Structure formats: structure tokens, C-alpha cells
Amino acid sequence: MKALIQRVTHAAVSVDGERIGAIDQGLLALVGVERGDSEADAEKILHKLLHYRVFSDTEGKMNDNLQQVDGGLLLVSQFTLAADTRKGLRPGFSSAAVPAEGERLFNYLVECARAAWPAVETGRFGADMQVTLTNDGPVTFMLESRQV
């Protein structure tokens, strides 16, 4: 499982012109589920989302995590993160989980996140979504549940 995270001052996701999720200070996580991912992968990603130190402390160093700054977490499914871009000029998606499994594991991640943290918003799995954000920094990292 992969999560492209961005530290934001604001982020929102809309479907068909309707805003369905929004946060102020926090993390926007674009989540890609790959073949072979499991609940354990979702749990590893969630642990990193809640504990990864990407927010500035009082000295301006990245020492604080989402919980320490009482930030929001916006989870948005994005299967294109599982793309193979090593060859050619068109991405391949053979490493992406099949849609039903991707949805099941994304929903599991959301369920676990909401049980662990009160400020969780989401997009809609499989929908054509419009995501807006103000990247703070900019600060962007790729988190992976499995070692490459």
C-alpha cells in the first residue's frame, strides 16, 4: 500500500460539484492499494499517517506528528499510485489491486483511522473526484507499507 502525503493548511475533495470531505491543517493522503496488500499493510500506513513527524515544532524543525498538532486527515483513494511507469509512455496497472479488493482495503483503512483519530475525512472510492489543497511548505512524502 502506498500513501502520497502532503502537509496542508487546507484540503477538500468534491464529487459532482459537492464537497464530501475537507480539512484545515493536517495531512492529505492519496492512497493506492496494490496486489498482495492486506489489512496489515493498511495498519502500517495508518500508523505512519498518525505518527510521521512532518509538522514543525516550536523551533521550526519537523518533529511533530498529526496528533501533536491536532490536525485533520483526508484520505483519498488513488489507484494510479500503483502504476508501473518504468517503461514506455503509458502507465501499466498490473500491480494495482482489483477494484473490489482495493475498495475493501481502503474502507478498512478508513475504518481503522476513524477508530484511532477523530478528525478523518474521505473521498469516495472509484468516483471522479476533484481535490483542492494548499500544500504547506511544500512538504510531500511517499509512504509505503512494504519494502521495495
C-alpha atoms as a PDB file:
ATOM      1  CA  MET A   1       0.000   0.000   0.000  1.00  0.00           C
ATOM      2  CA  LYS A   2       1.223   3.463  -0.850  1.00  0.00           C
ATOM      3  CA  ALA A   3       0.217   6.854   0.502  1.00  0.00           C
ATOM      4  CA  LEU A   4       1.406  10.067  -1.062  1.00  0.00           C
ATOM      5  CA  ILE A   5       1.053  12.516   1.812  1.00  0.00           C
ATOM      6  CA  GLN A   6       1.049  16.273   1.680  1.00  0.00           C
ATOM      7  CA  ARG A   7       1.164  18.574   4.666  1.00  0.00           C
ATOM      8  CA  VAL A   8      -1.635  21.061   4.068  1.00  0.00           C
ATOM      9  CA  THR A   9      -3.165  24.164   5.532  1.00  0.00           C
ATOM     10  CA  HIS A  10      -6.428  23.194   3.790  1.00  0.00           C
ATOM     11  CA  ALA A  11      -7.617  20.364   1.552  1.00  0.00           C
ATOM     12  CA  ALA A  12     -11.001  19.348   0.173  1.00  0.00           C
ATOM     13  CA  VAL A  13     -12.461  16.706  -2.111  1.00  0.00           C
ATOM     14  CA  SER A  14     -15.594  17.069  -4.235  1.00  0.00           C
ATOM     15  CA  VAL A  15     -17.678  14.736  -6.382  1.00  0.00           C
ATOM     16  CA  ASP A  16     -20.074  16.174  -8.982  1.00  0.00           C
ATOM     17  CA  GLY A  17     -19.610  19.651  -7.525  1.00  0.00           C
ATOM     18  CA  GLU A  18     -20.493  18.549  -3.981  1.00  0.00           C
ATOM     19  CA  ARG A  19     -17.843  18.851  -1.294  1.00  0.00           C
ATOM     20  CA  ILE A  20     -17.727  15.498   0.504  1.00  0.00           C
ATOM     21  CA  GLY A  21     -14.645  15.938   2.677  1.00  0.00           C
ATOM     22  CA  ALA A  22     -12.455  18.780   3.899  1.00  0.00           C
ATOM     23  CA  ILE A  23      -9.780  19.508   6.499  1.00  0.00           C
ATOM     24  CA  ASP A  24      -7.794  22.508   7.602  1.00  0.00           C
ATOM     25  CA  GLN A  25      -4.259  21.942   8.949  1.00  0.00           C
ATOM     26  CA  GLY A  26      -3.273  18.309   8.568  1.00  0.00           C
ATOM     27  CA  LEU A  27      -2.426  15.660   6.005  1.00  0.00           C
ATOM     28  CA  LEU A  28      -3.933  14.863   2.635  1.00  0.00           C
ATOM     29  CA  ALA A  29      -3.166  11.207   1.893  1.00  0.00           C
ATOM     30  CA  LEU A  30      -3.662   9.874  -1.628  1.00  0.00           C
ATOM     31  CA  VAL A  31      -3.841   6.100  -1.112  1.00  0.00           C
ATOM     32  CA  GLY A  32      -3.027   3.391  -3.642  1.00  0.00           C
ATOM     33  CA  VAL A  33      -3.726  -0.279  -2.961  1.00  0.00           C
ATOM     34  CA  GLU A  34      -1.534  -2.857  -4.683  1.00  0.00           C
ATOM     35  CA  ARG A  35      -1.953  -6.567  -5.377  1.00  0.00           C
ATOM     36  CA  GLY A  36      -0.957  -8.560  -2.325  1.00  0.00           C
ATOM     37  CA  ASP A  37      -1.766  -5.800   0.154  1.00  0.00           C
ATOM     38  CA  SER A  38      -3.538  -6.839   3.342  1.00  0.00           C
ATOM     39  CA  GLU A  39      -5.064  -5.404   6.492  1.00  0.00           C
ATOM     40  CA  ALA A  40      -1.552  -5.377   7.975  1.00  0.00           C
ATOM     41  CA  ASP A  41      -0.438  -3.019   5.194  1.00  0.00           C
ATOM     42  CA  ALA A  42      -3.338  -0.670   5.948  1.00  0.00           C
ATOM     43  CA  GLU A  43      -2.438  -0.736   9.645  1.00  0.00           C
ATOM     44  CA  LYS A  44       1.220   0.086   8.870  1.00  0.00           C
ATOM     45  CA  ILE A  45       0.211   3.009   6.667  1.00  0.00           C
ATOM     46  CA  LEU A  46      -2.198   4.300   9.308  1.00  0.00           C
ATOM     47  CA  HIS A  47       0.496   4.127  11.979  1.00  0.00           C
ATOM     48  CA  LYS A  48       2.773   6.221   9.769  1.00  0.00           C
ATOM     49  CA  LEU A  49      -0.013   8.688   8.921  1.00  0.00           C
ATOM     50  CA  LEU A  50      -0.689   9.354  12.580  1.00  0.00           C
ATOM     51  CA  HIS A  51       2.931   9.348  13.770  1.00  0.00           C
ATOM     52  CA  TYR A  52       5.098  10.583  10.873  1.00  0.00           C
ATOM     53  CA  ARG A  53       6.864  13.738  12.037  1.00  0.00           C
ATOM     54  CA  VAL A  54       6.265  16.293   9.286  1.00  0.00           C
ATOM     55  CA  PHE A  55       4.960  19.290  11.264  1.00  0.00           C
ATOM     56  CA  SER A  56       7.209  21.988  12.684  1.00  0.00           C
ATOM     57  CA  ASP A  57       7.859  22.166  16.400  1.00  0.00           C
ATOM     58  CA  THR A  58       8.434  25.430  18.291  1.00  0.00           C
ATOM     59  CA  GLU A  59      11.995  25.562  16.898  1.00  0.00           C
ATOM     60  CA  GLY A  60      10.847  25.143  13.296  1.00  0.00           C
ATOM     61  CA  LYS A  61      12.086  21.550  12.940  1.00  0.00           C
ATOM     62  CA  MET A  62       9.952  18.696  11.616  1.00  0.00           C
ATOM     63  CA  ASN A  63       9.448  16.938  14.940  1.00  0.00           C
ATOM     64  CA  ASP A  64       5.678  16.931  15.457  1.00  0.00           C
ATOM     65  CA  ASN A  65       3.142  14.476  14.084  1.00  0.00           C
ATOM     66  CA  LEU A  66      -0.510  14.808  13.097  1.00  0.00           C
ATOM     67  CA  GLN A  67      -1.726  14.007  16.590  1.00  0.00           C
ATOM     68  CA  GLN A  68       0.584  16.525  18.242  1.00  0.00           C
ATOM     69  CA  VAL A  69      -0.760  19.358  16.072  1.00  0.00           C
ATOM     70  CA  ASP A  70      -4.365  18.112  16.361  1.00  0.00           C
ATOM     71  CA  GLY A  71      -4.573  18.011  12.572  1.00  0.00           C
ATOM     72  CA  GLY A  72      -7.108  16.583  10.168  1.00  0.00           C
ATOM     73  CA  LEU A  73      -6.571  13.564   7.935  1.00  0.00           C
ATOM     74  CA  LEU A  74      -8.128  13.498   4.461  1.00  0.00           C
ATOM     75  CA  LEU A  75      -7.926  10.032   2.866  1.00  0.00           C
ATOM     76  CA  VAL A  76      -8.490   9.854  -0.897  1.00  0.00           C
ATOM     77  CA  SER A  77      -8.228   6.619  -2.885  1.00  0.00           C
ATOM     78  CA  GLN A  78      -5.989   6.885  -5.949  1.00  0.00           C
ATOM     79  CA  PHE A  79      -5.291   3.654  -7.812  1.00  0.00           C
ATOM     80  CA  THR A  80      -2.888   5.420 -10.176  1.00  0.00           C
ATOM     81  CA  LEU A  81      -0.265   5.380  -7.391  1.00  0.00           C
ATOM     82  CA  ALA A  82       0.118   1.665  -8.128  1.00  0.00           C
ATOM     83  CA  ALA A  83       1.057   2.374 -11.754  1.00  0.00           C
ATOM     84  CA  ASP A  84       4.185   0.918 -13.317  1.00  0.00           C
ATOM     85  CA  THR A  85       5.875   3.813 -15.122  1.00  0.00           C
ATOM     86  CA  ARG A  86       9.268   2.234 -15.773  1.00  0.00           C
ATOM     87  CA  LYS A  87       8.737   1.512 -19.485  1.00  0.00           C
ATOM     88  CA  GLY A  88       7.118   3.331 -22.353  1.00  0.00           C
ATOM     89  CA  LEU A  89       4.887   6.363 -22.333  1.00  0.00           C
ATOM     90  CA  ARG A  90       1.722   4.835 -20.927  1.00  0.00           C
ATOM     91  CA  PRO A  91       1.320   3.628 -17.330  1.00  0.00           C
ATOM     92  CA  GLY A  92       0.561  -0.014 -16.629  1.00  0.00           C
ATOM     93  CA  PHE A  93      -1.732  -1.014 -13.799  1.00  0.00           C
ATOM     94  CA  SER A  94      -0.998  -4.726 -13.401  1.00  0.00           C
ATOM     95  CA  SER A  95       0.349  -4.104  -9.879  1.00  0.00           C
ATOM     96  CA  ALA A  96      -2.845  -2.379  -8.700  1.00  0.00           C
ATOM     97  CA  ALA A  97      -5.319  -4.350  -6.621  1.00  0.00           C
ATOM     98  CA  VAL A  98      -8.522  -5.366  -8.381  1.00  0.00           C
ATOM     99  CA  PRO A  99     -11.227  -2.761  -7.649  1.00  0.00           C
ATOM    100  CA  ALA A 100     -13.204  -4.854  -5.137  1.00  0.00           C
ATOM    101  CA  GLU A 101     -10.081  -5.626  -3.097  1.00  0.00           C
ATOM    102  CA  GLY A 102      -8.831  -2.059  -3.363  1.00  0.00           C
ATOM    103  CA  GLU A 103     -12.147  -0.766  -2.085  1.00  0.00           C
ATOM    104  CA  ARG A 104     -12.247  -3.294   0.754  1.00  0.00           C
ATOM    105  CA  LEU A 105      -8.756  -2.371   1.967  1.00  0.00           C
ATOM    106  CA  PHE A 106      -9.300   1.371   1.518  1.00  0.00           C
ATOM    107  CA  ASN A 107     -12.510   1.105   3.564  1.00  0.00           C
ATOM    108  CA  TYR A 108     -10.620  -0.892   6.200  1.00  0.00           C
ATOM    109  CA  LEU A 109      -8.011   1.876   6.372  1.00  0.00           C
ATOM    110  CA  VAL A 110     -10.766   4.489   6.804  1.00  0.00           C
ATOM    111  CA  GLU A 111     -12.490   2.414   9.491  1.00  0.00           C
ATOM    112  CA  CYS A 112      -9.245   1.998  11.444  1.00  0.00           C
ATOM    113  CA  ALA A 113      -8.384   5.683  11.026  1.00  0.00           C
ATOM    114  CA  ARG A 114     -11.760   6.794  12.366  1.00  0.00           C
ATOM    115  CA  ALA A 115     -11.397   4.457  15.342  1.00  0.00           C
ATOM    116  CA  ALA A 116      -7.954   5.921  16.125  1.00  0.00           C
ATOM    117  CA  TRP A 117      -8.414   9.617  15.316  1.00  0.00           C
ATOM    118  CA  PRO A 118     -11.483  11.886  15.455  1.00  0.00           C
ATOM    119  CA  ALA A 119     -10.632  14.187  12.518  1.00  0.00           C
ATOM    120  CA  VAL A 120     -10.826  11.896   9.469  1.00  0.00           C
ATOM    121  CA  GLU A 121     -12.475  12.839   6.174  1.00  0.00           C
ATOM    122  CA  THR A 122     -12.548  10.874   2.907  1.00  0.00           C
ATOM    123  CA  GLY A 123     -13.217  10.978  -0.766  1.00  0.00           C
ATOM    124  CA  ARG A 124     -15.417   8.386  -2.490  1.00  0.00           C
ATOM    125  CA  PHE A 125     -13.766   5.201  -3.757  1.00  0.00           C
ATOM    126  CA  GLY A 126     -13.897   4.874  -7.539  1.00  0.00           C
ATOM    127  CA  ALA A 127     -15.504   8.282  -8.091  1.00  0.00           C
ATOM    128  CA  ASP A 128     -14.223  11.022 -10.359  1.00  0.00           C
ATOM    129  CA  MET A 129     -13.025  13.397  -7.645  1.00  0.00           C
ATOM    130  CA  GLN A 130     -11.699  16.920  -7.656  1.00  0.00           C
ATOM    131  CA  VAL A 131      -9.127  17.525  -4.932  1.00  0.00           C
ATOM    132  CA  THR A 132      -8.037  21.003  -3.919  1.00  0.00           C
ATOM    133  CA  LEU A 133      -5.267  21.739  -1.468  1.00  0.00           C
ATOM    134  CA  THR A 134      -2.809  24.243  -0.163  1.00  0.00           C
ATOM    135  CA  ASN A 135       0.433  22.343   0.338  1.00  0.00           C
ATOM    136  CA  ASP A 136       2.240  23.733   3.368  1.00  0.00           C
ATOM    137  CA  GLY A 137       5.953  24.018   2.706  1.00  0.00           C
ATOM    138  CA  PRO A 138       5.645  22.352   0.247  1.00  0.00           C
ATOM    139  CA  VAL A 139       6.013  19.106   2.193  1.00  0.00           C
ATOM    140  CA  THR A 140       5.265  15.861   0.332  1.00  0.00           C
ATOM    141  CA  PHE A 141       6.344  12.271   1.092  1.00  0.00           C
ATOM    142  CA  MET A 142       5.642   8.810  -0.329  1.00  0.00           C
ATOM    143  CA  LEU A 143       4.893   6.242   2.382  1.00  0.00           C
ATOM    144  CA  GLU A 144       4.942   2.531   1.577  1.00  0.00           C
ATOM    145  CA  SER A 145       3.821  -0.366   3.700  1.00  0.00           C
ATOM    146  CA  ARG A 146       6.178  -2.859   2.060  1.00  0.00           C
ATOM    147  CA  GLN A 147       9.879  -2.578   1.446  1.00  0.00           C
ATOM    148  CA  VAL A 148      10.785  -2.347  -2.201  1.00  0.00           C
END
